[in-house]
Protein backbone atom coordinates (compact mmCIF):
# COMPACT_ATOMS: atom_id res chain seq x y z
CA UNK A 1 20.02 -12.19 9.29
CA UNK A 2 21.75 -9.46 11.24
CA UNK A 3 20.74 -9.13 14.87
CA UNK A 4 18.47 -6.16 15.40
CA UNK A 5 19.14 -4.20 18.57
CA UNK A 6 17.06 -1.70 20.49
CA UNK A 7 17.92 1.97 20.65
CA UNK A 8 18.78 1.50 24.34
CA UNK A 9 21.29 -1.24 23.46
CA UNK A 10 22.97 0.98 20.87
CA UNK A 11 22.63 4.51 22.28
CA UNK A 12 21.80 3.94 25.95
CA UNK A 13 18.39 5.62 25.81
CA UNK A 14 14.89 4.65 24.66
CA UNK A 15 13.72 5.24 21.11
CA UNK A 16 12.08 8.67 20.83
CA UNK A 17 8.30 8.85 20.59
CA UNK A 18 7.39 9.87 17.06
CA UNK A 19 10.64 8.49 15.70
CA UNK A 20 10.84 6.06 12.78
CA UNK A 21 13.19 3.19 12.01
CA UNK A 22 13.50 2.50 8.30
CA UNK A 23 13.78 -1.20 7.35
CA UNK A 24 14.33 -0.35 3.69
CA UNK A 25 12.75 0.16 0.29
CA UNK A 26 11.13 -2.29 -2.08
CA UNK A 27 13.03 -3.22 -5.25
CA UNK A 28 12.62 -1.17 -8.41
CA UNK A 29 10.93 -3.91 -10.40
CA UNK A 30 7.80 -4.18 -12.51
CA UNK A 31 4.86 -5.51 -10.53
CA UNK A 32 6.23 -4.35 -7.17
CA UNK A 33 4.62 -1.40 -5.39
CA UNK A 34 7.43 1.04 -4.64
CA UNK A 35 7.67 2.06 -1.01
CA UNK A 36 9.36 1.56 2.32
CA UNK A 37 8.75 -0.51 5.42
CA UNK A 38 9.01 1.44 8.65
CA UNK A 39 8.70 0.80 12.39
CA UNK A 40 7.27 3.89 14.10
CA UNK A 41 7.28 4.60 17.84
CA UNK A 42 4.07 6.17 19.12
CA UNK A 43 3.05 6.95 22.68
CA UNK A 44 1.14 3.70 23.06
CA UNK A 45 2.73 1.28 20.59
CA UNK A 46 5.24 0.36 17.93
CA UNK A 47 3.51 0.42 14.54
CA UNK A 48 4.87 -1.22 11.41
CA UNK A 49 3.70 0.55 8.26
CA UNK A 50 4.24 0.34 4.54
CA UNK A 51 4.55 3.76 2.95
CA UNK A 52 3.90 3.61 -0.82
CA UNK A 53 5.83 6.12 -2.91
CA UNK A 54 2.95 6.53 -5.40
CA UNK A 55 0.96 8.82 -3.10
CA UNK A 56 -1.43 6.19 -1.78
CA UNK A 57 -2.10 6.17 1.99
CA UNK A 58 0.29 4.23 4.18
CA UNK A 59 -0.80 0.79 5.35
CA UNK A 60 -0.66 -0.24 9.00
CA UNK A 61 0.64 -3.82 8.95
CA UNK A 62 1.00 -4.64 12.63
CA UNK A 63 1.22 -3.15 16.12
CA UNK A 64 3.55 -4.13 18.96
CA UNK A 65 3.81 -3.09 22.64
CA UNK A 66 5.58 0.23 23.44
CA UNK A 67 8.45 -1.62 25.14
CA UNK A 68 12.05 -2.40 24.27
CA UNK A 69 10.97 -5.95 23.38
CA UNK A 70 8.15 -4.51 21.23
CA UNK A 71 10.72 -2.32 19.47
CA UNK A 72 12.82 -5.33 18.50
CA UNK A 73 9.74 -7.31 17.43
CA UNK A 74 8.49 -4.41 15.28
CA UNK A 75 11.86 -3.94 13.61
CA UNK A 76 12.19 -7.67 12.91
CA UNK A 77 8.65 -7.77 11.48
CA UNK A 78 9.39 -4.83 9.15
CA UNK A 79 12.59 -6.48 7.90
CA UNK A 80 10.79 -9.80 7.35
CA UNK A 81 8.06 -8.10 5.28
CA UNK A 82 10.68 -6.32 3.17
CA UNK A 83 12.63 -9.55 2.63
CA UNK A 84 9.43 -11.30 1.49
CA UNK A 85 8.93 -8.65 -1.21
CA UNK A 86 12.53 -8.94 -2.37
CA UNK A 87 12.30 -12.77 -2.50
CA UNK A 88 9.11 -12.63 -4.62
CA UNK A 89 10.62 -10.12 -7.04
CA UNK A 90 13.62 -12.25 -8.04
């Protein structure tokens, strides 16, 4: 797996509050809910959500601290969830 870096490591500044980091979309396969996994920076946390493309409400999957370490943990969690879906759909 590719190493995930924080915004500070890449751009030299913290991730903006309200910003989203997109881990990717689910595969276009029968039996798989279409959507994307996202890590979102809020004032008090990093939230990992699944956003279905069928109009259903997004699902909060996990919350991490609003720190640089929490950012990396949230991004890794989002990627892991996406990879699980891809592995099951093969």
